[in-house]
Amino acid sequence: MSGSRRRHRTSHRARLRSGQPEIPVKSRAKLALAYVRTSTPNKSVAAQQRALTARAREWGWPKSRIRILDEDLGQSGLSTRRAGFKKLRALVRGGLVGLIVAADLTRLSRDPTQLAAFLKEARRTRTGIVVNGRPLFLNRQKREGTQ
């Protein structure tokens, strides 16, 4: 194995260990949305907002491109009438979002059909999703010779 190849592998591992996987520059030029939803309003909302914003910064988004969507506080994840979730979907469909950060998947939706449709939209528009601090999927640009 050549020395340059070995260095590349080492730097890639270090990048993954530090929580900074390769994210296309094109994605970072878009918005990062911190989606906050609680079924009952509580005091932990502000802490959750700070934590999700910090998570987006860890993934490389500048403060100027991070938005908090917290319009669905006190609403059930089974509801299809959530204004914040509708806004989130519209922004994703419009290709304006590079990353969505949520505490967990149930914050996005508790309806499996609705969640599956949303995840499909996110994947189609190459929107990364981070839940519980881990990437659900981060779409990387295809490299030559790959499918």
N, C-alpha and C. Protein backbone atom coordinates (compact mmCIF):
# COMPACT_ATOMS: atom_id res chain seq x y z
N MET A 1 0.86 -1.18 0.00
CA MET A 1 0.00 0.00 0.00
C MET A 1 0.89 1.24 0.00
N SER A 2 0.62 2.17 -0.85
CA SER A 2 1.45 3.37 -0.95
C SER A 2 1.22 4.26 0.26
N GLY A 3 2.23 5.12 0.51
CA GLY A 3 2.14 6.03 1.65
C GLY A 3 0.99 7.01 1.53
N SER A 4 0.73 7.49 0.30
CA SER A 4 -0.36 8.47 0.13
C SER A 4 -1.71 7.83 0.39
N ARG A 5 -1.84 6.59 -0.02
CA ARG A 5 -3.11 5.89 0.23
C ARG A 5 -3.31 5.69 1.73
N ARG A 6 -2.27 5.34 2.44
CA ARG A 6 -2.35 5.13 3.88
C ARG A 6 -2.74 6.43 4.57
N ARG A 7 -2.12 7.55 4.17
CA ARG A 7 -2.47 8.84 4.77
C ARG A 7 -3.94 9.16 4.53
N HIS A 8 -4.43 8.88 3.32
CA HIS A 8 -5.83 9.17 3.00
C HIS A 8 -6.76 8.39 3.92
N ARG A 9 -6.48 7.11 4.11
CA ARG A 9 -7.33 6.30 4.98
C ARG A 9 -7.31 6.84 6.41
N THR A 10 -6.14 7.21 6.89
CA THR A 10 -6.03 7.72 8.25
C THR A 10 -6.83 9.00 8.41
N SER A 11 -6.69 9.92 7.44
CA SER A 11 -7.41 11.18 7.57
C SER A 11 -8.92 10.95 7.49
N HIS A 12 -9.36 9.98 6.66
CA HIS A 12 -10.79 9.68 6.56
C HIS A 12 -11.31 9.14 7.88
N ARG A 13 -10.57 8.24 8.50
CA ARG A 13 -10.99 7.70 9.81
C ARG A 13 -11.07 8.81 10.84
N ALA A 14 -10.07 9.68 10.85
CA ALA A 14 -10.06 10.77 11.83
C ALA A 14 -11.29 11.67 11.62
N ARG A 15 -11.61 11.91 10.36
CA ARG A 15 -12.76 12.76 10.06
C ARG A 15 -14.04 12.10 10.58
N LEU A 16 -14.19 10.82 10.37
CA LEU A 16 -15.39 10.13 10.85
C LEU A 16 -15.44 10.11 12.37
N ARG A 17 -14.29 9.87 13.00
CA ARG A 17 -14.25 9.84 14.45
C ARG A 17 -14.61 11.20 15.05
N SER A 18 -14.23 12.28 14.39
CA SER A 18 -14.51 13.61 14.93
C SER A 18 -15.93 14.06 14.64
N GLY A 19 -16.73 13.25 13.94
CA GLY A 19 -18.10 13.60 13.64
C GLY A 19 -18.23 14.51 12.43
N GLN A 20 -17.22 14.59 11.62
CA GLN A 20 -17.23 15.46 10.46
C GLN A 20 -17.07 14.66 9.17
N PRO A 21 -18.06 13.86 8.80
CA PRO A 21 -17.93 13.13 7.54
C PRO A 21 -17.98 14.10 6.37
N GLU A 22 -17.60 13.61 5.22
CA GLU A 22 -17.62 14.46 4.03
C GLU A 22 -19.06 14.83 3.70
N ILE A 23 -19.30 16.11 3.63
CA ILE A 23 -20.61 16.63 3.24
C ILE A 23 -20.35 17.54 2.05
N PRO A 24 -21.04 17.34 0.95
CA PRO A 24 -20.80 18.18 -0.21
C PRO A 24 -20.95 19.67 0.11
N VAL A 25 -20.06 20.47 -0.44
CA VAL A 25 -20.10 21.91 -0.23
C VAL A 25 -21.45 22.47 -0.65
N LYS A 26 -22.01 21.90 -1.72
CA LYS A 26 -23.32 22.32 -2.21
C LYS A 26 -24.40 22.19 -1.12
N SER A 27 -24.31 21.13 -0.33
CA SER A 27 -25.28 20.93 0.76
C SER A 27 -25.10 21.98 1.85
N ARG A 28 -23.85 22.30 2.17
CA ARG A 28 -23.59 23.28 3.23
C ARG A 28 -23.99 24.69 2.84
N ALA A 29 -24.19 24.93 1.55
CA ALA A 29 -24.64 26.24 1.09
C ALA A 29 -26.14 26.42 1.35
N LYS A 30 -26.82 25.31 1.65
CA LYS A 30 -28.26 25.34 1.92
C LYS A 30 -28.49 25.52 3.43
N LEU A 31 -29.75 25.56 3.82
CA LEU A 31 -30.11 25.72 5.22
C LEU A 31 -29.93 24.43 6.01
N ALA A 32 -29.67 24.58 7.30
CA ALA A 32 -29.75 23.48 8.26
C ALA A 32 -30.95 23.81 9.13
N LEU A 33 -31.88 22.87 9.25
CA LEU A 33 -33.09 23.11 10.05
C LEU A 33 -33.07 22.24 11.30
N ALA A 34 -33.21 22.89 12.44
CA ALA A 34 -33.35 22.19 13.71
C ALA A 34 -34.85 22.10 13.98
N TYR A 35 -35.39 20.89 13.88
CA TYR A 35 -36.84 20.70 14.03
C TYR A 35 -37.15 20.27 15.46
N VAL A 36 -37.96 21.06 16.13
CA VAL A 36 -38.33 20.78 17.52
C VAL A 36 -39.84 20.60 17.60
N ARG A 37 -40.27 19.46 18.14
CA ARG A 37 -41.69 19.23 18.37
C ARG A 37 -41.82 18.49 19.69
N THR A 38 -42.73 18.96 20.52
CA THR A 38 -43.06 18.25 21.75
C THR A 38 -44.57 18.10 21.79
N SER A 39 -45.03 16.99 22.31
CA SER A 39 -46.48 16.81 22.39
C SER A 39 -47.08 17.63 23.53
N THR A 40 -46.26 17.92 24.53
CA THR A 40 -46.71 18.79 25.62
C THR A 40 -45.63 19.86 25.84
N PRO A 41 -46.03 21.12 25.89
CA PRO A 41 -45.04 22.17 26.12
C PRO A 41 -44.32 21.93 27.44
N ASN A 42 -43.00 22.10 27.44
CA ASN A 42 -42.24 21.92 28.68
C ASN A 42 -41.00 22.80 28.67
N LYS A 43 -40.29 22.79 29.78
CA LYS A 43 -39.14 23.67 29.95
C LYS A 43 -37.92 23.22 29.15
N SER A 44 -37.90 22.00 28.67
CA SER A 44 -36.71 21.50 27.97
C SER A 44 -36.60 21.98 26.53
N VAL A 45 -37.58 22.72 26.05
CA VAL A 45 -37.59 23.17 24.66
C VAL A 45 -36.38 24.05 24.35
N ALA A 46 -36.09 25.03 25.20
CA ALA A 46 -34.95 25.92 24.96
C ALA A 46 -33.64 25.14 24.93
N ALA A 47 -33.50 24.19 25.84
CA ALA A 47 -32.28 23.37 25.87
C ALA A 47 -32.18 22.52 24.60
N GLN A 48 -33.32 21.99 24.16
CA GLN A 48 -33.34 21.18 22.94
C GLN A 48 -32.97 22.04 21.72
N GLN A 49 -33.47 23.27 21.67
CA GLN A 49 -33.14 24.18 20.57
C GLN A 49 -31.64 24.46 20.54
N ARG A 50 -31.07 24.73 21.71
CA ARG A 50 -29.62 25.00 21.78
C ARG A 50 -28.83 23.77 21.36
N ALA A 51 -29.23 22.60 21.82
CA ALA A 51 -28.50 21.37 21.50
C ALA A 51 -28.56 21.06 20.00
N LEU A 52 -29.73 21.23 19.40
CA LEU A 52 -29.86 20.94 17.96
C LEU A 52 -29.09 21.95 17.11
N THR A 53 -29.11 23.21 17.53
CA THR A 53 -28.34 24.23 16.82
C THR A 53 -26.85 23.92 16.92
N ALA A 54 -26.41 23.52 18.10
CA ALA A 54 -25.00 23.15 18.29
C ALA A 54 -24.64 21.94 17.42
N ARG A 55 -25.55 21.00 17.30
CA ARG A 55 -25.31 19.82 16.48
C ARG A 55 -25.14 20.22 15.01
N ALA A 56 -25.97 21.12 14.52
CA ALA A 56 -25.84 21.59 13.13
C ALA A 56 -24.49 22.28 12.94
N ARG A 57 -24.05 23.05 13.92
CA ARG A 57 -22.73 23.70 13.83
C ARG A 57 -21.62 22.65 13.80
N GLU A 58 -21.77 21.58 14.59
CA GLU A 58 -20.77 20.51 14.58
C GLU A 58 -20.67 19.86 13.21
N TRP A 59 -21.77 19.84 12.48
CA TRP A 59 -21.78 19.23 11.15
C TRP A 59 -21.34 20.22 10.07
N GLY A 60 -20.93 21.41 10.50
CA GLY A 60 -20.31 22.34 9.57
C GLY A 60 -21.16 23.50 9.07
N TRP A 61 -22.34 23.69 9.64
CA TRP A 61 -23.19 24.79 9.18
C TRP A 61 -22.89 26.05 9.98
N PRO A 62 -22.76 27.18 9.31
CA PRO A 62 -22.58 28.44 10.04
C PRO A 62 -23.90 28.88 10.66
N LYS A 63 -23.81 29.66 11.72
CA LYS A 63 -25.02 30.14 12.41
C LYS A 63 -25.99 30.82 11.46
N SER A 64 -25.45 31.53 10.48
CA SER A 64 -26.30 32.30 9.56
C SER A 64 -27.21 31.43 8.70
N ARG A 65 -26.90 30.13 8.59
CA ARG A 65 -27.73 29.24 7.77
C ARG A 65 -28.50 28.21 8.59
N ILE A 66 -28.55 28.40 9.88
CA ILE A 66 -29.29 27.47 10.75
C ILE A 66 -30.60 28.13 11.17
N ARG A 67 -31.69 27.40 10.98
CA ARG A 67 -33.01 27.89 11.38
C ARG A 67 -33.64 26.89 12.34
N ILE A 68 -34.38 27.40 13.29
CA ILE A 68 -35.11 26.55 14.23
C ILE A 68 -36.57 26.55 13.83
N LEU A 69 -37.12 25.37 13.64
CA LEU A 69 -38.56 25.23 13.38
C LEU A 69 -39.20 24.66 14.64
N ASP A 70 -39.88 25.52 15.38
CA ASP A 70 -40.49 25.07 16.64
C ASP A 70 -41.97 25.44 16.70
N GLU A 71 -42.59 25.49 15.54
CA GLU A 71 -44.01 25.87 15.47
C GLU A 71 -44.95 24.75 15.92
N ASP A 72 -44.42 23.55 16.09
CA ASP A 72 -45.28 22.41 16.42
C ASP A 72 -45.23 22.01 17.90
N LEU A 73 -44.86 22.96 18.74
CA LEU A 73 -44.81 22.66 20.18
C LEU A 73 -46.22 22.38 20.68
N GLY A 74 -46.37 21.33 21.45
CA GLY A 74 -47.67 20.98 22.02
C GLY A 74 -48.56 20.20 21.06
N GLN A 75 -48.01 19.77 19.91
CA GLN A 75 -48.82 19.03 18.94
C GLN A 75 -48.36 17.59 18.81
N SER A 76 -49.30 16.73 18.58
CA SER A 76 -49.02 15.31 18.43
C SER A 76 -48.29 15.03 17.12
N GLY A 77 -47.37 14.10 17.17
CA GLY A 77 -46.65 13.68 15.97
C GLY A 77 -47.51 12.88 15.02
N LEU A 78 -48.72 12.52 15.44
CA LEU A 78 -49.65 11.80 14.55
C LEU A 78 -50.46 12.76 13.68
N SER A 79 -50.48 14.03 14.08
CA SER A 79 -51.26 15.03 13.34
C SER A 79 -50.62 15.34 12.00
N THR A 80 -51.45 15.49 10.99
CA THR A 80 -50.96 15.88 9.67
C THR A 80 -51.16 17.39 9.46
N ARG A 81 -51.65 18.07 10.47
CA ARG A 81 -51.95 19.50 10.36
C ARG A 81 -50.90 20.38 11.02
N ARG A 82 -49.73 19.87 11.24
CA ARG A 82 -48.68 20.64 11.93
C ARG A 82 -48.05 21.65 10.97
N ALA A 83 -48.16 22.92 11.29
CA ALA A 83 -47.64 23.99 10.43
C ALA A 83 -46.13 23.89 10.24
N GLY A 84 -45.40 23.59 11.30
CA GLY A 84 -43.95 23.49 11.21
C GLY A 84 -43.50 22.35 10.32
N PHE A 85 -44.18 21.21 10.42
CA PHE A 85 -43.82 20.06 9.59
C PHE A 85 -44.15 20.34 8.12
N LYS A 86 -45.28 21.02 7.89
CA LYS A 86 -45.63 21.41 6.51
C LYS A 86 -44.57 22.34 5.93
N LYS A 87 -44.11 23.28 6.73
CA LYS A 87 -43.07 24.21 6.29
C LYS A 87 -41.77 23.44 6.00
N LEU A 88 -41.42 22.52 6.90
CA LEU A 88 -40.23 21.69 6.72
C LEU A 88 -40.30 20.94 5.39
N ARG A 89 -41.44 20.29 5.13
CA ARG A 89 -41.59 19.54 3.89
C ARG A 89 -41.49 20.44 2.67
N ALA A 90 -42.08 21.62 2.74
CA ALA A 90 -42.04 22.55 1.60
C ALA A 90 -40.60 23.00 1.32
N LEU A 91 -39.85 23.29 2.36
CA LEU A 91 -38.46 23.69 2.19
C LEU A 91 -37.61 22.56 1.62
N VAL A 92 -37.86 21.34 2.09
CA VAL A 92 -37.13 20.18 1.57
C VAL A 92 -37.48 19.96 0.11
N ARG A 93 -38.77 19.97 -0.21
CA ARG A 93 -39.21 19.79 -1.60
C ARG A 93 -38.60 20.84 -2.53
N GLY A 94 -38.45 22.05 -2.01
CA GLY A 94 -37.89 23.15 -2.80
C GLY A 94 -36.38 23.08 -2.95
N GLY A 95 -35.76 22.08 -2.32
CA GLY A 95 -34.32 21.93 -2.44
C GLY A 95 -33.52 22.97 -1.67
N LEU A 96 -34.13 23.56 -0.65
CA LEU A 96 -33.48 24.63 0.10
C LEU A 96 -32.75 24.15 1.36
N VAL A 97 -32.89 22.86 1.67
CA VAL A 97 -32.36 22.33 2.93
C VAL A 97 -31.23 21.35 2.66
N GLY A 98 -30.11 21.56 3.35
CA GLY A 98 -28.99 20.63 3.25
C GLY A 98 -28.96 19.64 4.40
N LEU A 99 -29.51 20.04 5.56
CA LEU A 99 -29.45 19.19 6.75
C LEU A 99 -30.66 19.45 7.64
N ILE A 100 -31.21 18.37 8.18
CA ILE A 100 -32.27 18.45 9.19
C ILE A 100 -31.71 17.79 10.44
N VAL A 101 -31.85 18.48 11.57
CA VAL A 101 -31.39 17.94 12.84
C VAL A 101 -32.61 17.82 13.75
N ALA A 102 -32.79 16.63 14.32
CA ALA A 102 -33.91 16.38 15.24
C ALA A 102 -33.43 15.51 16.39
N ALA A 103 -34.11 15.62 17.52
CA ALA A 103 -33.73 14.82 18.68
C ALA A 103 -33.90 13.33 18.40
N ASP A 104 -34.97 12.96 17.71
CA ASP A 104 -35.16 11.58 17.26
C ASP A 104 -36.24 11.57 16.18
N LEU A 105 -36.41 10.44 15.54
CA LEU A 105 -37.35 10.36 14.42
C LEU A 105 -38.79 10.64 14.82
N THR A 106 -39.16 10.30 16.05
CA THR A 106 -40.55 10.53 16.47
C THR A 106 -40.86 12.02 16.58
N ARG A 107 -39.83 12.85 16.64
CA ARG A 107 -40.07 14.30 16.65
C ARG A 107 -40.56 14.74 15.27
N LEU A 108 -40.09 14.08 14.21
CA LEU A 108 -40.54 14.41 12.86
C LEU A 108 -41.97 13.92 12.64
N SER A 109 -42.23 12.67 12.98
CA SER A 109 -43.58 12.13 12.85
C SER A 109 -43.70 10.82 13.60
N ARG A 110 -44.88 10.58 14.13
CA ARG A 110 -45.17 9.29 14.77
C ARG A 110 -46.01 8.41 13.84
N ASP A 111 -46.34 8.94 12.69
CA ASP A 111 -47.11 8.19 11.69
C ASP A 111 -46.11 7.56 10.71
N PRO A 112 -45.98 6.22 10.70
CA PRO A 112 -44.99 5.56 9.85
C PRO A 112 -45.12 5.89 8.36
N THR A 113 -46.33 6.02 7.87
CA THR A 113 -46.54 6.32 6.46
C THR A 113 -46.06 7.73 6.15
N GLN A 114 -46.44 8.67 7.00
CA GLN A 114 -46.03 10.07 6.82
C GLN A 114 -44.50 10.20 6.92
N LEU A 115 -43.90 9.50 7.88
CA LEU A 115 -42.46 9.55 8.07
C LEU A 115 -41.73 8.96 6.86
N ALA A 116 -42.22 7.82 6.37
CA ALA A 116 -41.59 7.19 5.20
C ALA A 116 -41.64 8.10 3.98
N ALA A 117 -42.78 8.76 3.77
CA ALA A 117 -42.91 9.68 2.64
C ALA A 117 -41.94 10.85 2.78
N PHE A 118 -41.81 11.37 4.01
CA PHE A 118 -40.90 12.48 4.23
C PHE A 118 -39.45 12.06 4.00
N LEU A 119 -39.07 10.90 4.51
CA LEU A 119 -37.69 10.42 4.33
C LEU A 119 -37.38 10.21 2.84
N LYS A 120 -38.36 9.76 2.10
CA LYS A 120 -38.19 9.58 0.65
C LYS A 120 -37.95 10.93 -0.03
N GLU A 121 -38.72 11.95 0.36
CA GLU A 121 -38.53 13.30 -0.18
C GLU A 121 -37.13 13.82 0.16
N ALA A 122 -36.72 13.61 1.40
CA ALA A 122 -35.40 14.08 1.83
C ALA A 122 -34.29 13.40 1.03
N ARG A 123 -34.43 12.13 0.83
CA ARG A 123 -33.41 11.41 0.06
C ARG A 123 -33.39 11.89 -1.39
N ARG A 124 -34.57 12.10 -1.97
CA ARG A 124 -34.66 12.54 -3.36
C ARG A 124 -33.99 13.91 -3.54
N THR A 125 -34.13 14.78 -2.55
CA THR A 125 -33.55 16.12 -2.65
C THR A 125 -32.15 16.19 -2.04
N ARG A 126 -31.60 15.03 -1.67
CA ARG A 126 -30.25 14.94 -1.12
C ARG A 126 -30.09 15.75 0.17
N THR A 127 -31.11 15.66 1.03
CA THR A 127 -31.10 16.35 2.32
C THR A 127 -30.61 15.39 3.38
N GLY A 128 -29.57 15.77 4.10
CA GLY A 128 -29.06 14.94 5.19
C GLY A 128 -29.95 15.05 6.41
N ILE A 129 -30.03 13.98 7.18
CA ILE A 129 -30.83 13.99 8.41
C ILE A 129 -29.97 13.43 9.54
N VAL A 130 -29.93 14.17 10.64
CA VAL A 130 -29.19 13.73 11.82
C VAL A 130 -30.18 13.62 12.97
N VAL A 131 -30.27 12.44 13.54
CA VAL A 131 -31.13 12.21 14.70
C VAL A 131 -30.28 11.60 15.81
N ASN A 132 -30.54 12.04 17.03
CA ASN A 132 -29.75 11.57 18.17
C ASN A 132 -28.26 11.76 17.93
N GLY A 133 -27.90 12.79 17.16
CA GLY A 133 -26.50 13.07 16.90
C GLY A 133 -25.84 12.20 15.85
N ARG A 134 -26.60 11.28 15.28
CA ARG A 134 -26.03 10.37 14.27
C ARG A 134 -26.72 10.58 12.93
N PRO A 135 -25.95 10.44 11.85
CA PRO A 135 -26.57 10.61 10.53
C PRO A 135 -27.50 9.45 10.21
N LEU A 136 -28.72 9.76 9.85
CA LEU A 136 -29.64 8.75 9.36
C LEU A 136 -29.20 8.39 7.96
N PHE A 137 -28.98 9.41 7.16
CA PHE A 137 -28.27 9.28 5.90
C PHE A 137 -27.78 10.65 5.51
N LEU A 138 -26.58 10.69 5.05
CA LEU A 138 -26.02 11.92 4.50
C LEU A 138 -25.66 11.58 3.07
N ASN A 139 -26.33 12.19 2.15
CA ASN A 139 -26.10 11.90 0.74
C ASN A 139 -24.79 12.51 0.30
N ARG A 140 -23.93 11.66 -0.18
CA ARG A 140 -22.68 12.13 -0.73
C ARG A 140 -22.78 12.16 -2.23
N GLN A 141 -21.97 13.01 -2.82
CA GLN A 141 -21.95 13.07 -4.28
C GLN A 141 -21.40 11.76 -4.80
N LYS A 142 -21.99 11.31 -5.94
CA LYS A 142 -21.52 10.08 -6.55
C LYS A 142 -20.14 10.28 -7.11
N ARG A 143 -19.30 9.29 -6.97
CA ARG A 143 -17.96 9.36 -7.53
C ARG A 143 -17.95 8.64 -8.87
N GLU A 144 -17.01 9.01 -9.69
CA GLU A 144 -16.93 8.37 -11.00
C GLU A 144 -16.81 6.86 -10.83
N GLY A 145 -17.53 6.15 -11.67
CA GLY A 145 -17.47 4.69 -11.64
C GLY A 145 -18.37 4.05 -10.62
N THR A 146 -19.17 4.86 -9.86
CA THR A 146 -20.09 4.26 -8.90
C THR A 146 -21.51 4.48 -9.36
N GLN A 147 -22.40 3.67 -8.83
CA GLN A 147 -23.81 3.76 -9.19
C GLN A 147 -24.53 4.77 -8.36
